[in-house]
Protein backbone atom coordinates (compact mmCIF):
# COMPACT_ATOMS: atom_id res chain seq x y z
CA MET A 1 0.00 0.00 0.00
CA GLU A 2 1.29 3.45 -0.91
CA LYS A 3 2.00 5.80 2.00
CA LYS A 4 -0.26 8.81 2.42
CA LEU A 5 1.45 12.09 1.72
CA SER A 6 0.91 15.21 3.81
CA CYS A 7 2.50 18.61 4.16
CA SER A 8 2.36 21.74 6.27
CA ILE A 9 0.48 24.60 4.64
CA GLU A 10 0.68 28.30 5.39
CA ILE A 11 -2.08 30.54 4.01
CA HIS A 12 -1.98 34.30 3.97
CA GLU A 13 -3.67 37.13 2.11
CA GLU A 14 -1.75 39.35 -0.31
CA GLU A 15 -2.67 42.38 -2.35
CA LEU A 16 -1.67 42.34 -6.01
CA SER A 17 -0.32 45.41 -7.80
CA ASP A 18 -3.81 46.13 -9.19
CA GLY A 19 -5.26 46.19 -5.66
CA LYS A 20 -6.96 42.79 -5.91
CA LYS A 21 -6.64 40.63 -2.79
CA VAL A 22 -5.83 36.93 -3.15
CA PHE A 23 -5.06 34.07 -0.79
CA VAL A 24 -1.61 32.48 -1.12
CA ALA A 25 -1.03 28.90 0.02
CA ASP A 26 2.55 27.73 0.64
CA CYS A 27 3.72 24.12 1.05
CA ILE A 28 6.47 24.51 3.63
CA GLU A 29 8.29 21.21 2.94
CA LEU A 30 8.52 21.67 -0.84
CA GLY A 31 8.74 25.45 -1.16
CA VAL A 32 5.77 25.44 -3.57
CA SER A 33 3.12 28.18 -3.60
CA ASP A 34 -0.08 28.96 -5.47
CA PHE A 35 -2.95 31.37 -5.02
CA GLY A 36 -6.67 31.83 -5.51
CA ASP A 37 -9.56 34.20 -4.91
CA THR A 38 -10.70 32.06 -1.96
CA ILE A 39 -8.87 29.88 0.56
CA ASN A 40 -10.39 26.76 -1.01
CA GLU A 41 -9.31 27.82 -4.50
CA ALA A 42 -5.78 28.53 -3.27
CA LEU A 43 -5.63 25.07 -1.64
CA GLU A 44 -6.93 23.31 -4.77
CA ASN A 45 -4.42 25.19 -6.93
CA LEU A 46 -1.62 24.29 -4.50
CA LYS A 47 -2.61 20.60 -4.58
CA GLU A 48 -2.39 20.65 -8.37
CA ALA A 49 1.01 22.40 -8.27
CA ILE A 50 2.32 19.78 -5.81
CA LYS A 51 1.02 16.92 -7.98
CA LEU A 52 2.77 18.39 -11.03
CA LEU A 53 6.02 18.81 -9.08
CA LEU A 54 5.88 15.22 -7.82
CA GLU A 55 5.31 13.94 -11.36
CA GLU A 56 8.50 15.70 -12.46
CA ILE A 57 10.56 14.98 -9.33
CA PRO A 58 9.10 11.85 -7.68
CA GLU A 59 11.91 11.59 -5.12
CA LYS A 60 10.43 14.70 -3.42
CA LYS A 61 7.62 12.42 -2.14
CA GLU A 62 10.00 11.37 0.65
CA LEU A 63 9.61 14.86 2.15
CA LEU A 64 5.84 14.31 2.44
CA GLU A 65 5.79 10.78 3.89
CA LYS A 66 4.95 11.46 7.52
CA GLU A 67 3.29 9.37 10.17
CA GLY A 68 0.82 12.04 11.20
CA PRO A 69 -0.33 15.51 10.25
CA ILE A 70 1.42 18.65 11.39
CA PHE A 71 -0.71 21.70 12.00
CA VAL A 72 0.56 25.26 11.79
CA SER A 73 -1.58 27.98 13.30
CA ARG A 74 -1.39 31.43 14.77
CA ILE A 75 -2.91 32.86 17.91
CA PHE A 76 -3.52 36.53 18.53
CA LEU A 77 -2.95 38.01 21.99
């Protein structure tokens, strides 16, 4: 059975030069980013970017073979 792949994701909002705001999703382990108008769109675009990267460089899968998920969050004080 193939191991499940997972990665840590950071999502933040950025403003483009034309003033439009987008959400940017970064895969921390692979250094891959993508964006979208919504968080869900940014995540779907990032998943596609990761799949394309892993097709081209399959040995990168080793970076995503983890036993359990890692969650990154932020708290405001």
